[in-house]
Amino acid sequence: MPVEVLIVEDNPVARAFLGRVVRASFSDVQSIDEAGDLQSARQRLMRGPGLGPHGLMLLDLELPDGSGLELLRELAEHRATKIVTTLYSDDEHLFPALQRGADGYLLKEDRFEVLVEEMQKIVRGQPPLSPAIARRLLAHFRQGEDGQAPRVLNASTRPQVPPPDLPALTPREREVLTLLSKGFTIREIAGLMGIKWFTVNDHIKAIYRKLDVSSRAEAAVYASKQGLV
């Protein structure tokens, strides 16, 4: 169905993985273009005809030069199908993405077959949603059953930012940090958690950024202070 595809993802291994997902999902893909950051994505969209109305864009939210939400906002009126592909399943990432025009939301850590199955929903006019995301959306809207309107996070309703000594690590990131501090390699962590090694790498990148550290040793010190090891 989508004849032109743009994958916006800074991890080259993840880009290749998503490219395989796209090729397995659609038989009529004419071209797959790639961008590692927002600037490159904008340049590719401006070059030539860009993505047509039947095009498909897979967009990571955490990019080296900004958030994928910026590009979603810029392309709000574009008819191409825009799918977020990310590690983040929390409300603070999910709802802003949907509010800015995302047509689907997939977790890169899902199995290959699951991603292909969800991607193929585009042909049937259904939104591609990872199972965990679909469950989160159901839980969110069920909040309205007690007579209260469902809560959508915005700048005024987001949880308070934790103090500097307790960065907002996700449960997955804490699990990776614990194993990393115990001396496991990236591939060993991937095997223990049942996820791809490049997904572990992305988790580590997020951990380093949130903790403001640049090495395994510094991260291990934090984990020790928090009683994670």
N, C-alpha and C. Protein backbone atom coordinates (compact mmCIF):
# COMPACT_ATOMS: atom_id res chain seq x y z
N MET A 1 0.83 -1.21 0.00
CA MET A 1 0.00 0.00 0.00
C MET A 1 0.86 1.26 0.00
N PRO A 2 1.69 1.53 1.04
CA PRO A 2 2.54 2.73 0.98
C PRO A 2 3.67 2.50 -0.02
N VAL A 3 3.77 3.34 -1.06
CA VAL A 3 4.77 3.12 -2.10
C VAL A 3 6.08 3.83 -1.80
N GLU A 4 6.04 4.85 -0.97
CA GLU A 4 7.25 5.58 -0.59
C GLU A 4 7.33 5.58 0.93
N VAL A 5 8.52 5.30 1.45
CA VAL A 5 8.68 5.18 2.89
C VAL A 5 9.88 6.01 3.34
N LEU A 6 9.72 6.70 4.46
CA LEU A 6 10.82 7.42 5.10
C LEU A 6 10.93 6.92 6.53
N ILE A 7 12.11 6.43 6.91
CA ILE A 7 12.36 5.96 8.27
C ILE A 7 13.26 6.97 8.96
N VAL A 8 12.76 7.60 10.01
CA VAL A 8 13.52 8.60 10.76
C VAL A 8 13.93 7.97 12.08
N GLU A 9 15.19 7.58 12.18
CA GLU A 9 15.70 6.80 13.32
C GLU A 9 17.21 6.99 13.39
N ASP A 10 17.73 7.32 14.57
CA ASP A 10 19.17 7.60 14.68
C ASP A 10 20.02 6.35 14.83
N ASN A 11 19.42 5.23 15.21
CA ASN A 11 20.17 3.99 15.37
C ASN A 11 20.18 3.23 14.04
N PRO A 12 21.36 3.07 13.40
CA PRO A 12 21.39 2.43 12.08
C PRO A 12 20.90 0.99 12.08
N VAL A 13 21.14 0.26 13.16
CA VAL A 13 20.65 -1.13 13.24
C VAL A 13 19.13 -1.14 13.32
N ALA A 14 18.58 -0.22 14.11
CA ALA A 14 17.12 -0.12 14.21
C ALA A 14 16.51 0.30 12.88
N ARG A 15 17.19 1.20 12.15
CA ARG A 15 16.70 1.61 10.83
C ARG A 15 16.61 0.40 9.90
N ALA A 16 17.66 -0.41 9.90
CA ALA A 16 17.67 -1.60 9.03
C ALA A 16 16.57 -2.57 9.44
N PHE A 17 16.38 -2.74 10.75
CA PHE A 17 15.34 -3.63 11.26
C PHE A 17 13.96 -3.15 10.82
N LEU A 18 13.70 -1.85 10.95
CA LEU A 18 12.40 -1.31 10.55
C LEU A 18 12.20 -1.42 9.04
N GLY A 19 13.29 -1.28 8.29
CA GLY A 19 13.20 -1.46 6.84
C GLY A 19 12.74 -2.86 6.49
N ARG A 20 13.26 -3.85 7.21
CA ARG A 20 12.84 -5.24 6.97
C ARG A 20 11.37 -5.43 7.34
N VAL A 21 10.95 -4.77 8.42
CA VAL A 21 9.54 -4.85 8.81
C VAL A 21 8.65 -4.31 7.69
N VAL A 22 9.04 -3.17 7.13
CA VAL A 22 8.24 -2.54 6.07
C VAL A 22 8.17 -3.45 4.85
N ARG A 23 9.31 -4.01 4.44
CA ARG A 23 9.33 -4.86 3.25
C ARG A 23 8.50 -6.13 3.46
N ALA A 24 8.51 -6.64 4.69
CA ALA A 24 7.70 -7.83 4.98
C ALA A 24 6.21 -7.50 5.06
N SER A 25 5.89 -6.24 5.30
CA SER A 25 4.50 -5.83 5.49
C SER A 25 3.80 -5.49 4.18
N PHE A 26 4.55 -4.95 3.22
CA PHE A 26 3.95 -4.45 1.98
C PHE A 26 4.73 -4.94 0.77
N SER A 27 4.01 -5.39 -0.24
CA SER A 27 4.67 -5.93 -1.43
C SER A 27 4.95 -4.87 -2.49
N ASP A 28 4.36 -3.69 -2.35
CA ASP A 28 4.47 -2.69 -3.41
C ASP A 28 5.28 -1.47 -3.00
N VAL A 29 6.23 -1.63 -2.09
CA VAL A 29 7.08 -0.51 -1.68
C VAL A 29 8.03 -0.16 -2.82
N GLN A 30 8.01 1.09 -3.25
CA GLN A 30 8.89 1.53 -4.34
C GLN A 30 10.25 1.96 -3.82
N SER A 31 10.26 2.65 -2.68
CA SER A 31 11.53 3.15 -2.16
C SER A 31 11.45 3.31 -0.65
N ILE A 32 12.58 3.09 0.01
CA ILE A 32 12.70 3.34 1.44
C ILE A 32 13.86 4.30 1.65
N ASP A 33 13.56 5.49 2.11
CA ASP A 33 14.58 6.48 2.40
C ASP A 33 14.81 6.50 3.91
N GLU A 34 15.98 6.96 4.32
CA GLU A 34 16.33 6.95 5.74
C GLU A 34 16.88 8.30 6.16
N ALA A 35 16.64 8.64 7.44
CA ALA A 35 17.19 9.86 8.03
C ALA A 35 17.54 9.57 9.48
N GLY A 36 18.70 10.10 9.91
CA GLY A 36 19.15 9.85 11.28
C GLY A 36 18.83 10.95 12.25
N ASP A 37 18.27 12.06 11.76
CA ASP A 37 17.91 13.16 12.64
C ASP A 37 16.84 14.02 11.97
N LEU A 38 16.37 15.03 12.68
CA LEU A 38 15.30 15.88 12.15
C LEU A 38 15.74 16.65 10.92
N GLN A 39 16.96 17.19 10.96
CA GLN A 39 17.44 17.98 9.83
C GLN A 39 17.48 17.15 8.55
N SER A 40 18.02 15.94 8.66
CA SER A 40 18.08 15.07 7.48
C SER A 40 16.68 14.70 7.00
N ALA A 41 15.77 14.48 7.94
CA ALA A 41 14.39 14.15 7.56
C ALA A 41 13.74 15.29 6.80
N ARG A 42 13.93 16.50 7.29
CA ARG A 42 13.35 17.67 6.60
C ARG A 42 13.94 17.81 5.20
N GLN A 43 15.25 17.59 5.08
CA GLN A 43 15.89 17.70 3.77
C GLN A 43 15.33 16.67 2.80
N ARG A 44 15.10 15.46 3.27
CA ARG A 44 14.57 14.42 2.40
C ARG A 44 13.12 14.68 2.02
N LEU A 45 12.37 15.28 2.94
CA LEU A 45 10.98 15.60 2.63
C LEU A 45 10.88 16.75 1.62
N MET A 46 11.86 17.65 1.65
CA MET A 46 11.87 18.78 0.73
C MET A 46 12.42 18.40 -0.64
N ARG A 47 13.21 17.34 -0.70
CA ARG A 47 13.86 16.93 -1.94
C ARG A 47 12.85 16.24 -2.85
N GLY A 48 12.72 16.74 -4.06
CA GLY A 48 11.81 16.12 -5.01
C GLY A 48 10.37 16.22 -4.52
N PRO A 49 9.54 15.23 -4.87
CA PRO A 49 8.13 15.28 -4.48
C PRO A 49 7.90 14.95 -3.02
N GLY A 50 8.93 14.38 -2.34
CA GLY A 50 8.74 14.01 -0.95
C GLY A 50 7.77 12.84 -0.83
N LEU A 51 7.15 12.72 0.33
CA LEU A 51 6.19 11.63 0.54
C LEU A 51 4.84 12.02 -0.04
N GLY A 52 4.29 11.15 -0.87
CA GLY A 52 2.97 11.41 -1.43
C GLY A 52 1.88 11.04 -0.44
N PRO A 53 0.62 11.20 -0.85
CA PRO A 53 -0.50 10.90 0.05
C PRO A 53 -0.56 9.44 0.47
N HIS A 54 0.08 8.56 -0.31
CA HIS A 54 0.10 7.13 0.04
C HIS A 54 1.43 6.74 0.67
N GLY A 55 2.22 7.72 1.05
CA GLY A 55 3.52 7.45 1.65
C GLY A 55 3.40 7.04 3.11
N LEU A 56 4.51 6.58 3.65
CA LEU A 56 4.56 6.12 5.04
C LEU A 56 5.82 6.66 5.69
N MET A 57 5.68 7.22 6.87
CA MET A 57 6.84 7.68 7.64
C MET A 57 6.85 6.97 8.98
N LEU A 58 7.99 6.35 9.31
CA LEU A 58 8.22 5.78 10.64
C LEU A 58 9.13 6.74 11.38
N LEU A 59 8.70 7.18 12.56
CA LEU A 59 9.38 8.28 13.23
C LEU A 59 9.70 7.95 14.68
N ASP A 60 10.98 8.02 15.01
CA ASP A 60 11.41 7.88 16.41
C ASP A 60 11.15 9.21 17.12
N LEU A 61 10.92 9.16 18.42
CA LEU A 61 10.65 10.39 19.17
C LEU A 61 11.91 11.04 19.71
N GLU A 62 12.91 10.24 20.06
CA GLU A 62 14.14 10.77 20.64
C GLU A 62 15.23 10.79 19.57
N LEU A 63 15.51 11.98 19.03
CA LEU A 63 16.50 12.12 17.97
C LEU A 63 17.62 13.06 18.42
N PRO A 64 18.79 12.97 17.81
CA PRO A 64 19.94 13.76 18.28
C PRO A 64 19.71 15.27 18.30
N ASP A 65 18.90 15.78 17.36
CA ASP A 65 18.72 17.23 17.28
C ASP A 65 17.31 17.67 17.67
N GLY A 66 16.59 16.84 18.42
CA GLY A 66 15.27 17.26 18.89
C GLY A 66 14.30 16.10 18.98
N SER A 67 13.04 16.45 19.17
CA SER A 67 12.00 15.45 19.34
C SER A 67 11.25 15.22 18.03
N GLY A 68 10.89 13.97 17.78
CA GLY A 68 10.08 13.67 16.62
C GLY A 68 8.72 14.35 16.66
N LEU A 69 8.31 14.80 17.84
CA LEU A 69 7.04 15.53 17.95
C LEU A 69 7.06 16.80 17.11
N GLU A 70 8.25 17.41 16.97
CA GLU A 70 8.36 18.62 16.16
C GLU A 70 7.98 18.33 14.71
N LEU A 71 8.47 17.21 14.19
CA LEU A 71 8.17 16.85 12.80
C LEU A 71 6.70 16.47 12.65
N LEU A 72 6.15 15.80 13.64
CA LEU A 72 4.72 15.48 13.59
C LEU A 72 3.88 16.75 13.50
N ARG A 73 4.26 17.75 14.29
CA ARG A 73 3.52 19.01 14.28
C ARG A 73 3.61 19.68 12.90
N GLU A 74 4.81 19.65 12.32
CA GLU A 74 5.02 20.29 11.01
C GLU A 74 4.23 19.58 9.91
N LEU A 75 4.04 18.27 10.06
CA LEU A 75 3.37 17.48 9.03
C LEU A 75 1.93 17.15 9.38
N ALA A 76 1.35 17.93 10.27
CA ALA A 76 -0.01 17.64 10.76
C ALA A 76 -1.02 17.53 9.63
N GLU A 77 -0.88 18.35 8.59
CA GLU A 77 -1.84 18.35 7.49
C GLU A 77 -1.40 17.45 6.34
N HIS A 78 -0.26 16.81 6.46
CA HIS A 78 0.24 15.95 5.39
C HIS A 78 -0.56 14.65 5.36
N ARG A 79 -0.89 14.18 4.18
CA ARG A 79 -1.77 13.00 4.06
C ARG A 79 -1.03 11.68 4.20
N ALA A 80 0.28 11.71 4.22
CA ALA A 80 1.04 10.46 4.40
C ALA A 80 0.72 9.85 5.77
N THR A 81 0.87 8.55 5.88
CA THR A 81 0.65 7.85 7.16
C THR A 81 1.89 8.01 8.03
N LYS A 82 1.70 8.52 9.24
CA LYS A 82 2.83 8.81 10.14
C LYS A 82 2.74 7.89 11.37
N ILE A 83 3.70 7.00 11.49
CA ILE A 83 3.71 6.02 12.58
C ILE A 83 4.90 6.29 13.49
N VAL A 84 4.65 6.47 14.77
CA VAL A 84 5.73 6.60 15.75
C VAL A 84 6.29 5.21 16.04
N THR A 85 7.61 5.07 15.98
CA THR A 85 8.29 3.83 16.35
C THR A 85 9.29 4.18 17.44
N THR A 86 9.06 3.71 18.64
CA THR A 86 9.81 4.20 19.79
C THR A 86 9.97 3.11 20.85
N LEU A 87 10.70 3.45 21.90
CA LEU A 87 10.85 2.58 23.07
C LEU A 87 9.86 2.94 24.16
N TYR A 88 9.28 4.14 24.06
CA TYR A 88 8.52 4.70 25.17
C TYR A 88 7.04 4.36 25.08
N SER A 89 6.51 3.76 26.15
CA SER A 89 5.10 3.38 26.19
C SER A 89 4.31 4.19 27.22
N ASP A 90 4.92 5.23 27.79
CA ASP A 90 4.26 6.01 28.84
C ASP A 90 3.36 7.09 28.25
N ASP A 91 2.45 7.59 29.09
CA ASP A 91 1.49 8.60 28.65
C ASP A 91 2.16 9.87 28.14
N GLU A 92 3.28 10.25 28.74
CA GLU A 92 3.92 11.52 28.38
C GLU A 92 4.47 11.51 26.96
N HIS A 93 4.71 10.34 26.41
CA HIS A 93 5.15 10.25 25.02
C HIS A 93 3.97 9.90 24.10
N LEU A 94 3.11 8.98 24.56
CA LEU A 94 2.03 8.48 23.73
C LEU A 94 1.02 9.56 23.34
N PHE A 95 0.45 10.24 24.33
CA PHE A 95 -0.65 11.16 24.03
C PHE A 95 -0.21 12.41 23.26
N PRO A 96 0.94 13.03 23.58
CA PRO A 96 1.38 14.15 22.74
C PRO A 96 1.60 13.73 21.28
N ALA A 97 2.09 12.51 21.07
CA ALA A 97 2.30 12.04 19.70
C ALA A 97 0.97 11.91 18.96
N LEU A 98 -0.02 11.32 19.62
CA LEU A 98 -1.33 11.17 18.99
C LEU A 98 -1.99 12.52 18.77
N GLN A 99 -1.82 13.43 19.72
CA GLN A 99 -2.41 14.76 19.59
C GLN A 99 -1.79 15.55 18.44
N ARG A 100 -0.55 15.24 18.10
CA ARG A 100 0.14 15.96 17.03
C ARG A 100 0.02 15.27 15.68
N GLY A 101 -0.81 14.26 15.60
CA GLY A 101 -1.12 13.70 14.29
C GLY A 101 -0.58 12.33 13.98
N ALA A 102 0.01 11.63 14.94
CA ALA A 102 0.50 10.28 14.67
C ALA A 102 -0.68 9.37 14.32
N ASP A 103 -0.51 8.57 13.27
CA ASP A 103 -1.56 7.65 12.84
C ASP A 103 -1.41 6.27 13.46
N GLY A 104 -0.35 6.06 14.20
CA GLY A 104 -0.10 4.79 14.86
C GLY A 104 1.07 4.93 15.81
N TYR A 105 1.25 3.92 16.67
CA TYR A 105 2.30 4.01 17.70
C TYR A 105 2.79 2.59 17.97
N LEU A 106 4.03 2.32 17.55
CA LEU A 106 4.60 0.98 17.68
C LEU A 106 5.85 1.00 18.54
N LEU A 107 6.02 -0.05 19.33
CA LEU A 107 7.19 -0.19 20.18
C LEU A 107 8.24 -1.04 19.47
N LYS A 108 9.44 -0.50 19.33
CA LYS A 108 10.50 -1.20 18.59
C LYS A 108 10.90 -2.51 19.24
N GLU A 109 10.61 -2.66 20.51
CA GLU A 109 11.01 -3.89 21.20
C GLU A 109 10.03 -5.04 20.95
N ASP A 110 8.91 -4.76 20.26
CA ASP A 110 7.98 -5.83 19.91
C ASP A 110 8.64 -6.82 18.94
N ARG A 111 8.15 -8.04 18.93
CA ARG A 111 8.68 -9.05 18.01
C ARG A 111 8.42 -8.64 16.55
N PHE A 112 9.28 -9.09 15.68
CA PHE A 112 9.19 -8.78 14.25
C PHE A 112 7.80 -9.10 13.71
N GLU A 113 7.28 -10.29 14.04
CA GLU A 113 5.98 -10.70 13.51
C GLU A 113 4.85 -9.79 14.00
N VAL A 114 4.97 -9.32 15.24
CA VAL A 114 3.95 -8.42 15.80
C VAL A 114 3.97 -7.09 15.05
N LEU A 115 5.16 -6.56 14.80
CA LEU A 115 5.28 -5.29 14.08
C LEU A 115 4.73 -5.41 12.66
N VAL A 116 5.02 -6.51 12.00
CA VAL A 116 4.50 -6.72 10.64
C VAL A 116 2.97 -6.79 10.66
N GLU A 117 2.43 -7.54 11.60
CA GLU A 117 0.97 -7.67 11.71
C GLU A 117 0.31 -6.32 11.95
N GLU A 118 0.91 -5.51 12.83
CA GLU A 118 0.33 -4.19 13.12
C GLU A 118 0.48 -3.26 11.92
N MET A 119 1.62 -3.32 11.24
CA MET A 119 1.85 -2.44 10.09
C MET A 119 0.85 -2.73 8.98
N GLN A 120 0.49 -3.98 8.81
CA GLN A 120 -0.44 -4.36 7.74
C GLN A 120 -1.85 -3.84 7.98
N LYS A 121 -2.12 -3.37 9.19
CA LYS A 121 -3.44 -2.79 9.46
C LYS A 121 -3.67 -1.52 8.65
N ILE A 122 -2.57 -0.89 8.20
CA ILE A 122 -2.71 0.34 7.40
C ILE A 122 -3.57 0.08 6.18
N VAL A 123 -3.36 -1.07 5.53
CA VAL A 123 -4.12 -1.41 4.32
C VAL A 123 -5.61 -1.51 4.62
N ARG A 124 -5.94 -1.96 5.83
CA ARG A 124 -7.35 -2.11 6.21
C ARG A 124 -7.93 -0.84 6.83
N GLY A 125 -7.13 0.22 6.82
CA GLY A 125 -7.61 1.49 7.37
C GLY A 125 -7.65 1.53 8.88
N GLN A 126 -6.90 0.65 9.53
CA GLN A 126 -6.86 0.60 10.99
C GLN A 126 -5.53 1.17 11.49
N PRO A 127 -5.52 1.76 12.68
CA PRO A 127 -4.28 2.32 13.21
C PRO A 127 -3.35 1.24 13.75
N PRO A 128 -2.08 1.23 13.34
CA PRO A 128 -1.13 0.27 13.90
C PRO A 128 -0.78 0.65 15.34
N LEU A 129 -1.08 -0.24 16.27
CA LEU A 129 -0.80 0.02 17.68
C LEU A 129 -0.20 -1.23 18.31
N SER A 130 0.93 -1.08 18.97
CA SER A 130 1.49 -2.21 19.70
C SER A 130 0.49 -2.67 20.75
N PRO A 131 0.44 -3.97 21.04
CA PRO A 131 -0.52 -4.47 22.04
C PRO A 131 -0.46 -3.72 23.36
N ALA A 132 0.74 -3.40 23.83
CA ALA A 132 0.86 -2.68 25.11
C ALA A 132 0.25 -1.29 25.01
N ILE A 133 0.37 -0.67 23.84
CA ILE A 133 -0.19 0.67 23.64
C ILE A 133 -1.71 0.59 23.56
N ALA A 134 -2.23 -0.41 22.88
CA ALA A 134 -3.69 -0.58 22.80
C ALA A 134 -4.28 -0.77 24.20
N ARG A 135 -3.60 -1.55 25.03
CA ARG A 135 -4.09 -1.75 26.40
C ARG A 135 -4.04 -0.45 27.19
N ARG A 136 -2.99 0.33 26.98
CA ARG A 136 -2.87 1.61 27.70
C ARG A 136 -3.99 2.56 27.29
N LEU A 137 -4.30 2.60 26.01
CA LEU A 137 -5.37 3.47 25.54
C LEU A 137 -6.72 3.03 26.12
N LEU A 138 -6.96 1.73 26.16
CA LEU A 138 -8.21 1.23 26.74
C LEU A 138 -8.32 1.63 28.21
N ALA A 139 -7.23 1.45 28.94
CA ALA A 139 -7.23 1.80 30.36
C ALA A 139 -7.46 3.30 30.54
N HIS A 140 -6.88 4.08 29.65
CA HIS A 140 -7.02 5.53 29.74
C HIS A 140 -8.48 5.95 29.58
N PHE A 141 -9.15 5.42 28.55
CA PHE A 141 -10.52 5.84 28.30
C PHE A 141 -11.51 5.21 29.27
N ARG A 142 -11.14 4.12 29.90
CA ARG A 142 -12.01 3.54 30.92
C ARG A 142 -12.03 4.39 32.18
N GLN A 143 -11.09 5.30 32.29
CA GLN A 143 -11.10 6.21 33.44
C GLN A 143 -12.37 7.04 33.45
N GLY A 144 -12.98 7.19 32.27
CA GLY A 144 -14.19 7.99 32.18
C GLY A 144 -15.44 7.28 32.64
N GLU A 145 -15.34 5.97 32.94
CA GLU A 145 -16.53 5.21 33.32
C GLU A 145 -17.10 5.64 34.66
N ASP A 146 -16.27 6.28 35.50
CA ASP A 146 -16.77 6.71 36.81
C ASP A 146 -17.37 8.11 36.76
N GLY A 147 -17.61 8.57 35.52
CA GLY A 147 -18.23 9.88 35.37
C GLY A 147 -17.24 11.00 35.14
N GLN A 148 -15.96 10.71 35.23
CA GLN A 148 -14.95 11.72 34.99
C GLN A 148 -14.46 11.60 33.56
N ALA A 149 -14.12 12.73 32.98
CA ALA A 149 -13.60 12.72 31.61
C ALA A 149 -12.23 12.07 31.59
N PRO A 150 -11.92 11.32 30.53
CA PRO A 150 -10.59 10.74 30.43
C PRO A 150 -9.53 11.82 30.49
N ARG A 151 -8.43 11.49 31.15
CA ARG A 151 -7.37 12.47 31.35
C ARG A 151 -6.36 12.38 30.22
N VAL A 152 -6.13 13.49 29.54
CA VAL A 152 -5.09 13.57 28.52
C VAL A 152 -3.99 14.46 29.05
N LEU A 153 -2.79 13.96 29.04
CA LEU A 153 -1.68 14.73 29.60
C LEU A 153 -1.34 15.90 28.71
N ASN A 154 -1.14 17.05 29.34
CA ASN A 154 -0.61 18.20 28.63
C ASN A 154 0.37 18.88 29.56
N ALA A 155 0.80 20.06 29.20
CA ALA A 155 1.84 20.72 29.99
C ALA A 155 1.40 20.95 31.43
N SER A 156 0.09 21.14 31.66
CA SER A 156 -0.36 21.46 33.01
C SER A 156 -0.70 20.23 33.83
N THR A 157 -0.87 19.05 33.15
CA THR A 157 -1.28 17.87 33.90
C THR A 157 -0.20 16.81 34.01
N ARG A 158 0.95 17.03 33.40
CA ARG A 158 2.02 16.04 33.50
C ARG A 158 2.53 15.97 34.92
N PRO A 159 2.98 14.79 35.33
CA PRO A 159 3.53 14.65 36.67
C PRO A 159 4.71 15.58 36.87
N GLN A 160 4.90 15.99 38.11
CA GLN A 160 6.03 16.84 38.43
C GLN A 160 7.33 16.13 38.11
N VAL A 161 8.30 16.89 37.59
CA VAL A 161 9.61 16.32 37.28
C VAL A 161 10.27 15.89 38.58
N PRO A 162 10.80 14.65 38.65
CA PRO A 162 11.44 14.19 39.88
C PRO A 162 12.65 15.04 40.21
N PRO A 163 13.06 15.04 41.47
CA PRO A 163 14.25 15.79 41.84
C PRO A 163 15.46 15.22 41.14
N PRO A 164 16.57 16.01 41.04
CA PRO A 164 17.75 15.59 40.29
C PRO A 164 18.32 14.26 40.75
N ASP A 165 18.16 13.90 42.05
CA ASP A 165 18.76 12.66 42.54
C ASP A 165 17.91 11.43 42.22
N LEU A 166 16.78 11.61 41.56
CA LEU A 166 15.94 10.47 41.21
C LEU A 166 15.38 10.67 39.79
N PRO A 167 16.23 10.49 38.77
CA PRO A 167 15.79 10.68 37.39
C PRO A 167 14.62 9.76 37.05
N ALA A 168 13.80 10.20 36.10
CA ALA A 168 12.59 9.45 35.74
C ALA A 168 12.93 8.29 34.81
N LEU A 169 13.61 7.30 35.34
CA LEU A 169 13.90 6.10 34.56
C LEU A 169 12.64 5.24 34.47
N THR A 170 12.41 4.68 33.30
CA THR A 170 11.29 3.76 33.13
C THR A 170 11.64 2.42 33.79
N PRO A 171 10.64 1.57 34.06
CA PRO A 171 10.95 0.25 34.63
C PRO A 171 11.94 -0.54 33.78
N ARG A 172 11.79 -0.46 32.46
CA ARG A 172 12.72 -1.16 31.57
C ARG A 172 14.15 -0.63 31.74
N GLU A 173 14.26 0.69 31.82
CA GLU A 173 15.59 1.30 31.97
C GLU A 173 16.22 0.90 33.29
N ARG A 174 15.42 0.83 34.34
CA ARG A 174 15.95 0.40 35.64
C ARG A 174 16.43 -1.05 35.58
N GLU A 175 15.69 -1.87 34.85
CA GLU A 175 16.09 -3.28 34.71
C GLU A 175 17.42 -3.38 33.95
N VAL A 176 17.53 -2.61 32.87
CA VAL A 176 18.78 -2.59 32.10
C VAL A 176 19.92 -2.08 32.96
N LEU A 177 19.67 -1.02 33.71
CA LEU A 177 20.71 -0.44 34.57
C LEU A 177 21.18 -1.45 35.61
N THR A 178 20.25 -2.18 36.20
CA THR A 178 20.61 -3.19 37.20
C THR A 178 21.52 -4.26 36.59
N LEU A 179 21.14 -4.77 35.43
CA LEU A 179 21.94 -5.82 34.78
C LEU A 179 23.27 -5.27 34.29
N LEU A 180 23.25 -4.05 33.79
CA LEU A 180 24.49 -3.42 33.32
C LEU A 180 25.47 -3.28 34.48
N SER A 181 24.97 -2.88 35.63
CA SER A 181 25.82 -2.67 36.80
C SER A 181 26.36 -3.98 37.36
N LYS A 182 25.68 -5.09 37.05
CA LYS A 182 26.15 -6.40 37.50
C LYS A 182 27.18 -7.01 36.55
N GLY A 183 27.51 -6.27 35.49
CA GLY A 183 28.57 -6.71 34.59
C GLY A 183 28.12 -7.46 33.36
N PHE A 184 26.81 -7.57 33.13
CA PHE A 184 26.35 -8.26 31.93
C PHE A 184 26.63 -7.43 30.68
N THR A 185 26.93 -8.09 29.56
CA THR A 185 27.14 -7.39 28.30
C THR A 185 25.79 -7.02 27.70
N ILE A 186 25.83 -6.18 26.67
CA ILE A 186 24.59 -5.75 26.01
C ILE A 186 23.83 -6.95 25.44
N ARG A 187 24.56 -7.85 24.79
CA ARG A 187 23.89 -9.03 24.20
C ARG A 187 23.36 -9.97 25.28
N GLU A 188 24.07 -10.07 26.40
CA GLU A 188 23.57 -10.90 27.51
C GLU A 188 22.30 -10.30 28.10
N ILE A 189 22.28 -8.97 28.24
CA ILE A 189 21.09 -8.29 28.75
C ILE A 189 19.91 -8.51 27.80
N ALA A 190 20.18 -8.41 26.49
CA ALA A 190 19.13 -8.63 25.50
C ALA A 190 18.54 -10.03 25.64
N GLY A 191 19.41 -11.03 25.84
CA GLY A 191 18.93 -12.40 26.01
C GLY A 191 18.11 -12.58 27.27
N LEU A 192 18.56 -11.97 28.36
CA LEU A 192 17.85 -12.10 29.63
C LEU A 192 16.49 -11.41 29.60
N MET A 193 16.41 -10.28 28.88
CA MET A 193 15.16 -9.52 28.85
C MET A 193 14.27 -9.91 27.68
N GLY A 194 14.79 -10.71 26.76
CA GLY A 194 13.99 -11.13 25.62
C GLY A 194 13.73 -10.02 24.61
N ILE A 195 14.70 -9.11 24.45
CA ILE A 195 14.56 -8.01 23.50
C ILE A 195 15.79 -7.97 22.60
N LYS A 196 15.75 -7.14 21.57
CA LYS A 196 16.86 -7.01 20.64
C LYS A 196 18.02 -6.27 21.30
N TRP A 197 19.25 -6.59 20.84
CA TRP A 197 20.41 -5.94 21.46
C TRP A 197 20.43 -4.45 21.18
N PHE A 198 19.94 -4.03 19.99
CA PHE A 198 19.95 -2.60 19.70
C PHE A 198 18.92 -1.86 20.56
N THR A 199 17.89 -2.58 21.01
CA THR A 199 16.94 -1.97 21.94
C THR A 199 17.60 -1.73 23.28
N VAL A 200 18.41 -2.69 23.74
CA VAL A 200 19.19 -2.50 24.97
C VAL A 200 20.10 -1.30 24.81
N ASN A 201 20.72 -1.18 23.65
CA ASN A 201 21.62 -0.05 23.38
C ASN A 201 20.89 1.27 23.49
N ASP A 202 19.67 1.32 22.96
CA ASP A 202 18.87 2.54 23.05
C ASP A 202 18.50 2.84 24.50
N HIS A 203 18.17 1.79 25.28
CA HIS A 203 17.88 1.99 26.70
C HIS A 203 19.09 2.59 27.41
N ILE A 204 20.27 2.06 27.12
CA ILE A 204 21.49 2.55 27.77
C ILE A 204 21.74 4.01 27.40
N LYS A 205 21.48 4.35 26.14
CA LYS A 205 21.64 5.73 25.70
C LYS A 205 20.71 6.65 26.49
N ALA A 206 19.47 6.21 26.69
CA ALA A 206 18.51 7.01 27.45
C ALA A 206 18.92 7.11 28.92
N ILE A 207 19.45 6.01 29.47
CA ILE A 207 19.90 6.01 30.87
C ILE A 207 21.04 7.00 31.06
N TYR A 208 22.02 6.96 30.18
CA TYR A 208 23.16 7.87 30.28
C TYR A 208 22.70 9.33 30.22
N ARG A 209 21.75 9.59 29.30
CA ARG A 209 21.27 10.96 29.15
C ARG A 209 20.54 11.43 30.40
N LYS A 210 19.67 10.57 30.94
CA LYS A 210 18.89 10.95 32.12
C LYS A 210 19.74 11.09 33.37
N LEU A 211 20.76 10.22 33.50
CA LEU A 211 21.62 10.28 34.69
C LEU A 211 22.76 11.27 34.52
N ASP A 212 22.91 11.79 33.30
CA ASP A 212 24.01 12.71 32.99
C ASP A 212 25.36 12.04 33.27
N VAL A 213 25.51 10.81 32.79
CA VAL A 213 26.76 10.07 32.92
C VAL A 213 27.22 9.66 31.53
N SER A 214 28.46 9.20 31.44
CA SER A 214 29.00 8.84 30.13
C SER A 214 29.70 7.49 30.12
N SER A 215 29.54 6.72 31.20
CA SER A 215 30.22 5.43 31.24
C SER A 215 29.42 4.43 32.08
N ARG A 216 29.72 3.16 31.87
CA ARG A 216 29.10 2.09 32.65
C ARG A 216 29.44 2.24 34.13
N ALA A 217 30.69 2.65 34.42
CA ALA A 217 31.12 2.79 35.81
C ALA A 217 30.30 3.86 36.54
N GLU A 218 30.08 5.00 35.88
CA GLU A 218 29.30 6.08 36.50
C GLU A 218 27.86 5.62 36.73
N ALA A 219 27.31 4.90 35.75
CA ALA A 219 25.94 4.40 35.90
C ALA A 219 25.86 3.39 37.04
N ALA A 220 26.91 2.57 37.19
CA ALA A 220 26.93 1.57 38.26
C ALA A 220 26.96 2.22 39.64
N VAL A 221 27.67 3.35 39.74
CA VAL A 221 27.72 4.08 41.01
C VAL A 221 26.31 4.55 41.38
N TYR A 222 25.58 5.09 40.40
CA TYR A 222 24.21 5.54 40.66
C TYR A 222 23.34 4.36 41.10
N ALA A 223 23.47 3.23 40.38
CA ALA A 223 22.66 2.05 40.70
C ALA A 223 22.94 1.57 42.12
N SER A 224 24.20 1.63 42.52
CA SER A 224 24.57 1.20 43.87
C SER A 224 23.95 2.11 44.92
N LYS A 225 23.98 3.42 44.67
CA LYS A 225 23.41 4.38 45.61
C LYS A 225 21.90 4.21 45.74
N GLN A 226 21.26 3.77 44.65
CA GLN A 226 19.81 3.59 44.67
C GLN A 226 19.40 2.20 45.16
N GLY A 227 20.39 1.37 45.49
CA GLY A 227 20.09 0.03 45.98
C GLY A 227 19.62 -0.93 44.92
N LEU A 228 19.97 -0.66 43.66
CA LEU A 228 19.54 -1.52 42.56
C LEU A 228 20.44 -2.74 42.40
N VAL A 229 21.63 -2.69 42.99
CA VAL A 229 22.56 -3.82 42.91
C VAL A 229 23.09 -4.14 44.30
